[in-house]
PDB file of N, CA and C in Angstrom:
ATOM      1  N   MET A   1       4.749  -4.975 -18.880  1.00  0.00           N
ATOM      2  CA  MET A   1       5.481  -4.293 -17.700  1.00  0.00           C
ATOM      3  C   MET A   1       6.667  -5.217 -17.338  1.00  0.00           C
ATOM      4  N   ARG A   2       7.749  -4.489 -17.043  1.00  0.00           N
ATOM      5  CA  ARG A   2       8.950  -5.144 -16.636  1.00  0.00           C
ATOM      6  C   ARG A   2       9.556  -4.595 -15.552  1.00  0.00           C
ATOM      7  N   VAL A   3      10.227  -5.325 -14.622  1.00  0.00           N
ATOM      8  CA  VAL A   3      10.914  -4.847 -13.482  1.00  0.00           C
ATOM      9  C   VAL A   3      12.381  -4.357 -14.119  1.00  0.00           C
ATOM     10  N   ARG A   4      12.668  -3.169 -13.779  1.00  0.00           N
ATOM     11  CA  ARG A   4      13.990  -2.686 -14.427  1.00  0.00           C
ATOM     12  C   ARG A   4      15.197  -3.473 -14.026  1.00  0.00           C
ATOM     13  N   LYS A   5      16.006  -3.570 -14.875  1.00  0.00           N
ATOM     14  CA  LYS A   5      17.148  -4.573 -14.795  1.00  0.00           C
ATOM     15  C   LYS A   5      17.973  -4.453 -13.584  1.00  0.00           C
ATOM     16  N   ASN A   6      18.011  -3.164 -13.020  1.00  0.00           N
ATOM     17  CA  ASN A   6      18.938  -2.915 -11.950  1.00  0.00           C
ATOM     18  C   ASN A   6      18.367  -2.995 -10.616  1.00  0.00           C
ATOM     19  N   ILE A   7      17.072  -3.362 -10.538  1.00  0.00           N
ATOM     20  CA  ILE A   7      16.337  -3.488  -9.338  1.00  0.00           C
ATOM     21  C   ILE A   7      16.752  -4.945  -8.754  1.00  0.00           C
ATOM     22  N   ALA A   8      17.285  -4.873  -7.524  1.00  0.00           N
ATOM     23  CA  ALA A   8      17.585  -6.176  -6.818  1.00  0.00           C
ATOM     24  C   ALA A   8      16.272  -6.494  -5.972  1.00  0.00           C
ATOM     25  N   THR A   9      16.000  -7.833  -6.225  1.00  0.00           N
ATOM     26  CA  THR A   9      14.782  -8.361  -5.461  1.00  0.00           C
ATOM     27  C   THR A   9      15.112  -9.698  -4.772  1.00  0.00           C
ATOM     28  N   SER A  10      14.379  -9.905  -3.696  1.00  0.00           N
ATOM     29  CA  SER A  10      14.524 -11.354  -3.106  1.00  0.00           C
ATOM     30  C   SER A  10      13.165 -12.017  -3.054  1.00  0.00           C
ATOM     31  N   GLU A  11      13.198 -13.207  -2.879  1.00  0.00           N
ATOM     32  CA  GLU A  11      11.821 -14.109  -2.812  1.00  0.00           C
ATOM     33  C   GLU A  11      11.126 -13.768  -1.677  1.00  0.00           C
ATOM     34  N   GLU A  12      11.697 -13.051  -0.696  1.00  0.00           N
ATOM     35  CA  GLU A  12      10.896 -12.613   0.561  1.00  0.00           C
ATOM     36  C   GLU A  12      10.191 -11.309   0.256  1.00  0.00           C
ATOM     37  N   GLY A  13      10.463 -10.605  -0.855  1.00  0.00           N
ATOM     38  CA  GLY A  13       9.819  -9.405  -1.198  1.00  0.00           C
ATOM     39  C   GLY A  13      10.615  -8.234  -0.880  1.00  0.00           C
ATOM     40  N   PHE A  14      11.788  -8.216  -0.724  1.00  0.00           N
ATOM     41  CA  PHE A  14      12.622  -7.049  -0.526  1.00  0.00           C
ATOM     42  C   PHE A  14      13.102  -6.513  -1.973  1.00  0.00           C
ATOM     43  N   LEU A  15      13.010  -5.219  -2.154  1.00  0.00           N
ATOM     44  CA  LEU A  15      13.367  -4.549  -3.318  1.00  0.00           C
ATOM     45  C   LEU A  15      14.426  -3.525  -3.061  1.00  0.00           C
ATOM     46  N   PHE A  16      15.360  -3.409  -3.939  1.00  0.00           N
ATOM     47  CA  PHE A  16      16.347  -2.334  -3.779  1.00  0.00           C
ATOM     48  C   PHE A  16      16.641  -1.759  -5.090  1.00  0.00           C
ATOM     49  N   ASN A  17      16.522  -0.417  -5.174  1.00  0.00           N
ATOM     50  CA  ASN A  17      16.896   0.296  -6.388  1.00  0.00           C
ATOM     51  C   ASN A  17      18.240   1.048  -6.106  1.00  0.00           C
ATOM     52  N   PRO A  18      19.342   0.446  -6.807  1.00  0.00           N
ATOM     53  CA  PRO A  18      20.625   1.020  -6.499  1.00  0.00           C
ATOM     54  C   PRO A  18      20.781   2.553  -7.134  1.00  0.00           C
ATOM     55  N   THR A  19      20.030   2.826  -8.003  1.00  0.00           N
ATOM     56  CA  THR A  19      20.072   4.226  -8.744  1.00  0.00           C
ATOM     57  C   THR A  19      19.635   5.207  -7.744  1.00  0.00           C
ATOM     58  N   THR A  20      18.418   4.895  -6.953  1.00  0.00           N
ATOM     59  CA  THR A  20      18.194   6.024  -5.873  1.00  0.00           C
ATOM     60  C   THR A  20      18.469   5.730  -4.521  1.00  0.00           C
ATOM     61  N   GLY A  21      18.949   4.418  -4.150  1.00  0.00           N
ATOM     62  CA  GLY A  21      19.238   4.132  -2.968  1.00  0.00           C
ATOM     63  C   GLY A  21      18.012   3.530  -2.064  1.00  0.00           C
ATOM     64  N   ASP A  22      16.862   3.577  -2.748  1.00  0.00           N
ATOM     65  CA  ASP A  22      15.628   3.390  -1.982  1.00  0.00           C
ATOM     66  C   ASP A  22      15.536   1.760  -1.891  1.00  0.00           C
ATOM     67  N   SER A  23      14.810   1.383  -0.700  1.00  0.00           N
ATOM     68  CA  SER A  23      14.505   0.011  -0.638  1.00  0.00           C
ATOM     69  C   SER A  23      13.156  -0.175  -0.196  1.00  0.00           C
ATOM     70  N   PHE A  24      12.526  -1.235  -0.507  1.00  0.00           N
ATOM     71  CA  PHE A  24      11.073  -1.486  -0.194  1.00  0.00           C
ATOM     72  C   PHE A  24      10.979  -2.861   0.227  1.00  0.00           C
ATOM     73  N   SER A  25       9.786  -3.142   0.693  1.00  0.00           N
ATOM     74  CA  SER A  25       9.432  -4.581   1.098  1.00  0.00           C
ATOM     75  C   SER A  25       7.928  -4.718   0.963  1.00  0.00           C
ATOM     76  N   THR A  26       7.614  -6.028   0.493  1.00  0.00           N
ATOM     77  CA  THR A  26       6.257  -6.113   0.197  1.00  0.00           C
ATOM     78  C   THR A  26       5.810  -7.588   0.764  1.00  0.00           C
ATOM     79  N   ASN A  27       4.636  -7.825   0.929  1.00  0.00           N
ATOM     80  CA  ASN A  27       4.069  -9.082   1.422  1.00  0.00           C
ATOM     81  C   ASN A  27       4.301 -10.250   0.474  1.00  0.00           C
ATOM     82  N   ALA A  28       4.012 -11.303   0.889  1.00  0.00           N
ATOM     83  CA  ALA A  28       4.222 -12.616   0.129  1.00  0.00           C
ATOM     84  C   ALA A  28       3.626 -12.617  -1.246  1.00  0.00           C
ATOM     85  N   ILE A  29       2.308 -12.091  -1.397  1.00  0.00           N
ATOM     86  CA  ILE A  29       1.798 -12.230  -2.636  1.00  0.00           C
ATOM     87  C   ILE A  29       2.525 -11.112  -3.617  1.00  0.00           C
ATOM     88  N   GLY A  30       2.783  -9.971  -3.029  1.00  0.00           N
ATOM     89  CA  GLY A  30       3.535  -8.928  -3.740  1.00  0.00           C
ATOM     90  C   GLY A  30       4.862  -9.460  -4.186  1.00  0.00           C
ATOM     91  N   ALA A  31       5.477 -10.272  -3.386  1.00  0.00           N
ATOM     92  CA  ALA A  31       6.729 -10.851  -3.672  1.00  0.00           C
ATOM     93  C   ALA A  31       6.493 -11.745  -5.036  1.00  0.00           C
ATOM     94  N   GLU A  32       5.492 -12.615  -4.950  1.00  0.00           N
ATOM     95  CA  GLU A  32       5.115 -13.393  -6.176  1.00  0.00           C
ATOM     96  C   GLU A  32       4.879 -12.761  -7.449  1.00  0.00           C
ATOM     97  N   ILE A  33       4.280 -11.514  -7.218  1.00  0.00           N
ATOM     98  CA  ILE A  33       3.932 -10.732  -8.313  1.00  0.00           C
ATOM     99  C   ILE A  33       5.174 -10.107  -8.886  1.00  0.00           C
ATOM    100  N   ILE A  34       6.099  -9.555  -8.057  1.00  0.00           N
ATOM    101  CA  ILE A  34       7.469  -9.053  -8.620  1.00  0.00           C
ATOM    102  C   ILE A  34       8.213 -10.064  -9.390  1.00  0.00           C
ATOM    103  N   LEU A  35       8.350 -11.281  -8.792  1.00  0.00           N
ATOM    104  CA  LEU A  35       9.075 -12.440  -9.349  1.00  0.00           C
ATOM    105  C   LEU A  35       8.457 -12.876 -10.764  1.00  0.00           C
ATOM    106  N   MET A  36       7.106 -12.860 -10.762  1.00  0.00           N
ATOM    107  CA  MET A  36       6.523 -13.004 -12.113  1.00  0.00           C
ATOM    108  C   MET A  36       6.729 -11.951 -13.104  1.00  0.00           C
ATOM    109  N   LEU A  37       6.753 -10.808 -12.722  1.00  0.00           N
ATOM    110  CA  LEU A  37       6.942  -9.632 -13.570  1.00  0.00           C
ATOM    111  C   LEU A  37       8.349  -9.687 -14.104  1.00  0.00           C
ATOM    112  N   LYS A  38       9.296 -10.135 -13.224  1.00  0.00           N
ATOM    113  CA  LYS A  38      10.762 -10.294 -13.557  1.00  0.00           C
ATOM    114  C   LYS A  38      10.764 -11.415 -14.693  1.00  0.00           C
ATOM    115  N   LYS A  39       9.918 -12.302 -14.882  1.00  0.00           N
ATOM    116  CA  LYS A  39       9.826 -13.445 -15.906  1.00  0.00           C
ATOM    117  C   LYS A  39       9.112 -12.893 -16.972  1.00  0.00           C
ATOM    118  N   ASP A  40       8.766 -11.580 -17.195  1.00  0.00           N
ATOM    119  CA  ASP A  40       7.914 -11.143 -18.224  1.00  0.00           C
ATOM    120  C   ASP A  40       6.566 -11.705 -18.330  1.00  0.00           C
ATOM    121  N   ILE A  41       5.936 -12.148 -17.260  1.00  0.00           N
ATOM    122  CA  ILE A  41       4.670 -12.597 -17.331  1.00  0.00           C
ATOM    123  C   ILE A  41       3.610 -11.433 -17.143  1.00  0.00           C
ATOM    124  N   SER A  42       2.576 -11.496 -18.021  1.00  0.00           N
ATOM    125  CA  SER A  42       1.738 -10.374 -18.164  1.00  0.00           C
ATOM    126  C   SER A  42       0.841 -10.212 -16.906  1.00  0.00           C
ATOM    127  N   LEU A  43       0.236  -9.018 -16.677  1.00  0.00           N
ATOM    128  CA  LEU A  43      -0.701  -8.755 -15.618  1.00  0.00           C
ATOM    129  C   LEU A  43      -1.885  -9.770 -15.773  1.00  0.00           C
ATOM    130  N   ARG A  44      -2.290  -9.932 -16.915  1.00  0.00           N
ATOM    131  CA  ARG A  44      -3.569 -10.820 -17.030  1.00  0.00           C
ATOM    132  C   ARG A  44      -3.151 -12.170 -16.550  1.00  0.00           C
ATOM    133  N   GLU A  45      -1.871 -12.738 -17.040  1.00  0.00           N
ATOM    134  CA  GLU A  45      -1.560 -14.087 -16.512  1.00  0.00           C
ATOM    135  C   GLU A  45      -1.270 -14.115 -15.052  1.00  0.00           C
ATOM    136  N   ILE A  46      -0.693 -12.988 -14.535  1.00  0.00           N
ATOM    137  CA  ILE A  46      -0.522 -12.977 -12.994  1.00  0.00           C
ATOM    138  C   ILE A  46      -1.927 -12.977 -12.336  1.00  0.00           C
ATOM    139  N   ALA A  47      -2.911 -12.240 -12.843  1.00  0.00           N
ATOM    140  CA  ALA A  47      -4.086 -12.269 -12.183  1.00  0.00           C
ATOM    141  C   ALA A  47      -4.898 -13.640 -12.325  1.00  0.00           C
ATOM    142  N   ASP A  48      -4.680 -14.321 -13.443  1.00  0.00           N
ATOM    143  CA  ASP A  48      -5.220 -15.779 -13.587  1.00  0.00           C
ATOM    144  C   ASP A  48      -4.719 -16.535 -12.493  1.00  0.00           C
ATOM    145  N   TYR A  49      -3.341 -16.496 -12.295  1.00  0.00           N
ATOM    146  CA  TYR A  49      -2.672 -17.363 -11.621  1.00  0.00           C
ATOM    147  C   TYR A  49      -2.890 -17.154  -9.997  1.00  0.00           C
ATOM    148  N   ILE A  50      -2.848 -15.869  -9.633  1.00  0.00           N
ATOM    149  CA  ILE A  50      -3.140 -15.517  -8.239  1.00  0.00           C
ATOM    150  C   ILE A  50      -4.571 -15.854  -7.821  1.00  0.00           C
ATOM    151  N   CYS A  51      -5.420 -15.538  -8.753  1.00  0.00           N
ATOM    152  CA  CYS A  51      -6.938 -15.717  -8.454  1.00  0.00           C
ATOM    153  C   CYS A  51      -7.175 -17.267  -8.333  1.00  0.00           C
ATOM    154  N   GLU A  52      -6.574 -17.904  -9.127  1.00  0.00           N
ATOM    155  CA  GLU A  52      -6.811 -19.509  -8.989  1.00  0.00           C
ATOM    156  C   GLU A  52      -6.204 -20.065  -7.782  1.00  0.00           C
ATOM    157  N   LYS A  53      -4.888 -19.689  -7.576  1.00  0.00           N
ATOM    158  CA  LYS A  53      -4.091 -20.161  -6.443  1.00  0.00           C
ATOM    159  C   LYS A  53      -4.672 -19.751  -5.030  1.00  0.00           C
ATOM    160  N   TYR A  54      -5.112 -18.491  -4.765  1.00  0.00           N
ATOM    161  CA  TYR A  54      -5.621 -18.149  -3.546  1.00  0.00           C
ATOM    162  C   TYR A  54      -7.256 -18.030  -3.574  1.00  0.00           C
ATOM    163  N   ASP A  55      -7.816 -18.332  -4.741  1.00  0.00           N
ATOM    164  CA  ASP A  55      -9.339 -18.336  -4.600  1.00  0.00           C
ATOM    165  C   ASP A  55      -9.854 -16.873  -4.251  1.00  0.00           C
ATOM    166  N   VAL A  56      -9.418 -15.841  -4.883  1.00  0.00           N
ATOM    167  CA  VAL A  56      -9.897 -14.570  -4.553  1.00  0.00           C
ATOM    168  C   VAL A  56     -10.686 -13.894  -5.609  1.00  0.00           C
ATOM    169  N   ASP A  57     -11.443 -12.974  -5.207  1.00  0.00           N
ATOM    170  CA  ASP A  57     -12.416 -12.164  -6.212  1.00  0.00           C
ATOM    171  C   ASP A  57     -11.515 -11.643  -7.163  1.00  0.00           C
ATOM    172  N   ARG A  58     -11.794 -11.865  -8.595  1.00  0.00           N
ATOM    173  CA  ARG A  58     -10.949 -11.456  -9.601  1.00  0.00           C
ATOM    174  C   ARG A  58     -11.022  -9.897  -9.844  1.00  0.00           C
ATOM    175  N   SER A  59     -12.301  -9.310  -9.596  1.00  0.00           N
ATOM    176  CA  SER A  59     -12.311  -7.879  -9.861  1.00  0.00           C
ATOM    177  C   SER A  59     -11.775  -7.057  -8.764  1.00  0.00           C
ATOM    178  N   LEU A  60     -11.788  -7.637  -7.550  1.00  0.00           N
ATOM    179  CA  LEU A  60     -11.035  -6.932  -6.508  1.00  0.00           C
ATOM    180  C   LEU A  60      -9.536  -7.129  -6.720  1.00  0.00           C
ATOM    181  N   PHE A  61      -9.169  -8.220  -7.009  1.00  0.00           N
ATOM    182  CA  PHE A  61      -7.737  -8.520  -7.181  1.00  0.00           C
ATOM    183  C   PHE A  61      -7.125  -7.711  -8.365  1.00  0.00           C
ATOM    184  N   GLU A  62      -7.937  -7.538  -9.480  1.00  0.00           N
ATOM    185  CA  GLU A  62      -7.474  -6.645 -10.622  1.00  0.00           C
ATOM    186  C   GLU A  62      -7.189  -5.239 -10.182  1.00  0.00           C
ATOM    187  N   ARG A  63      -8.156  -4.809  -9.419  1.00  0.00           N
ATOM    188  CA  ARG A  63      -7.854  -3.440  -8.742  1.00  0.00           C
ATOM    189  C   ARG A  63      -6.703  -3.246  -8.000  1.00  0.00           C
ATOM    190  N   ASP A  64      -6.510  -4.191  -7.056  1.00  0.00           N
ATOM    191  CA  ASP A  64      -5.274  -4.253  -6.280  1.00  0.00           C
ATOM    192  C   ASP A  64      -4.157  -4.361  -7.055  1.00  0.00           C
ATOM    193  N   LEU A  65      -4.016  -5.181  -8.041  1.00  0.00           N
ATOM    194  CA  LEU A  65      -2.899  -5.343  -8.966  1.00  0.00           C
ATOM    195  C   LEU A  65      -2.683  -4.101  -9.723  1.00  0.00           C
ATOM    196  N   ASP A  66      -3.609  -3.464 -10.111  1.00  0.00           N
ATOM    197  CA  ASP A  66      -3.496  -2.100 -10.876  1.00  0.00           C
ATOM    198  C   ASP A  66      -2.915  -1.156  -9.898  1.00  0.00           C
ATOM    199  N   ASP A  67      -3.374  -1.007  -8.765  1.00  0.00           N
ATOM    200  CA  ASP A  67      -2.845  -0.018  -7.710  1.00  0.00           C
ATOM    201  C   ASP A  67      -1.318  -0.453  -7.502  1.00  0.00           C
ATOM    202  N   PHE A  68      -1.016  -1.707  -7.335  1.00  0.00           N
ATOM    203  CA  PHE A  68       0.336  -2.211  -6.914  1.00  0.00           C
ATOM    204  C   PHE A  68       1.365  -1.845  -8.163  1.00  0.00           C
ATOM    205  N   SER A  69       0.833  -1.993  -9.301  1.00  0.00           N
ATOM    206  CA  SER A  69       1.746  -1.721 -10.542  1.00  0.00           C
ATOM    207  C   SER A  69       1.862  -0.216 -10.562  1.00  0.00           C
ATOM    208  N   VAL A  70       0.933   0.647 -10.218  1.00  0.00           N
ATOM    209  CA  VAL A  70       1.049   2.082 -10.319  1.00  0.00           C
ATOM    210  C   VAL A  70       2.095   2.542  -9.243  1.00  0.00           C
ATOM    211  N   GLN A  71       2.047   1.879  -8.102  1.00  0.00           N
ATOM    212  CA  GLN A  71       2.955   2.169  -7.007  1.00  0.00           C
ATOM    213  C   GLN A  71       4.464   1.793  -7.514  1.00  0.00           C
ATOM    214  N   LEU A  72       4.570   0.589  -8.167  1.00  0.00           N
ATOM    215  CA  LEU A  72       5.833   0.319  -8.555  1.00  0.00           C
ATOM    216  C   LEU A  72       6.480   1.105  -9.659  1.00  0.00           C
ATOM    217  N   LYS A  73       5.649   1.753 -10.472  1.00  0.00           N
ATOM    218  CA  LYS A  73       6.028   2.732 -11.580  1.00  0.00           C
ATOM    219  C   LYS A  73       6.539   3.799 -10.854  1.00  0.00           C
ATOM    220  N   GLU A  74       5.745   4.395  -9.911  1.00  0.00           N
ATOM    221  CA  GLU A  74       6.072   5.638  -9.107  1.00  0.00           C
ATOM    222  C   GLU A  74       7.396   5.564  -8.376  1.00  0.00           C
ATOM    223  N   PHE A  75       7.676   4.404  -7.945  1.00  0.00           N
ATOM    224  CA  PHE A  75       8.912   4.139  -7.299  1.00  0.00           C
ATOM    225  C   PHE A  75      10.135   3.729  -8.224  1.00  0.00           C
ATOM    226  N   SER A  76       9.863   3.824  -9.466  1.00  0.00           N
ATOM    227  CA  SER A  76      10.889   3.484 -10.586  1.00  0.00           C
ATOM    228  C   SER A  76      11.272   2.055 -10.353  1.00  0.00           C
ATOM    229  N   ILE A  77      10.386   1.061  -9.995  1.00  0.00           N
ATOM    230  CA  ILE A  77      10.593  -0.281 -10.012  1.00  0.00           C
ATOM    231  C   ILE A  77      10.446  -0.898 -11.470  1.00  0.00           C
ATOM    232  N   LEU A  78       9.239  -0.340 -12.000  1.00  0.00           N
ATOM    233  CA  LEU A  78       9.053  -0.815 -13.278  1.00  0.00           C
ATOM    234  C   LEU A  78       9.427   0.039 -14.362  1.00  0.00           C
ATOM    235  N   GLU A  79       9.611  -0.396 -15.563  1.00  0.00           N
ATOM    236  CA  GLU A  79      10.046   0.338 -16.734  1.00  0.00           C
ATOM    237  C   GLU A  79       8.796   0.948 -17.220  1.00  0.00           C
TER     238      GLU A  79
END
């Protein structure tokens, strides 16, 4: 999964789609995920990193990550 090239992002979690004019914001972990996706880091590697960094339950985080990626696709943030 990749963030579309035309999507503007900030480290604070602000996203802007110039094609649609839509803007979105996310929390700090969402912002980290977006930045990692922009670097072509896989969802598995993202899950490894976040679960280790924040000591969260892996199965719960993987479900949340899956839901988040579906939302990003629906809003045309991901290719």
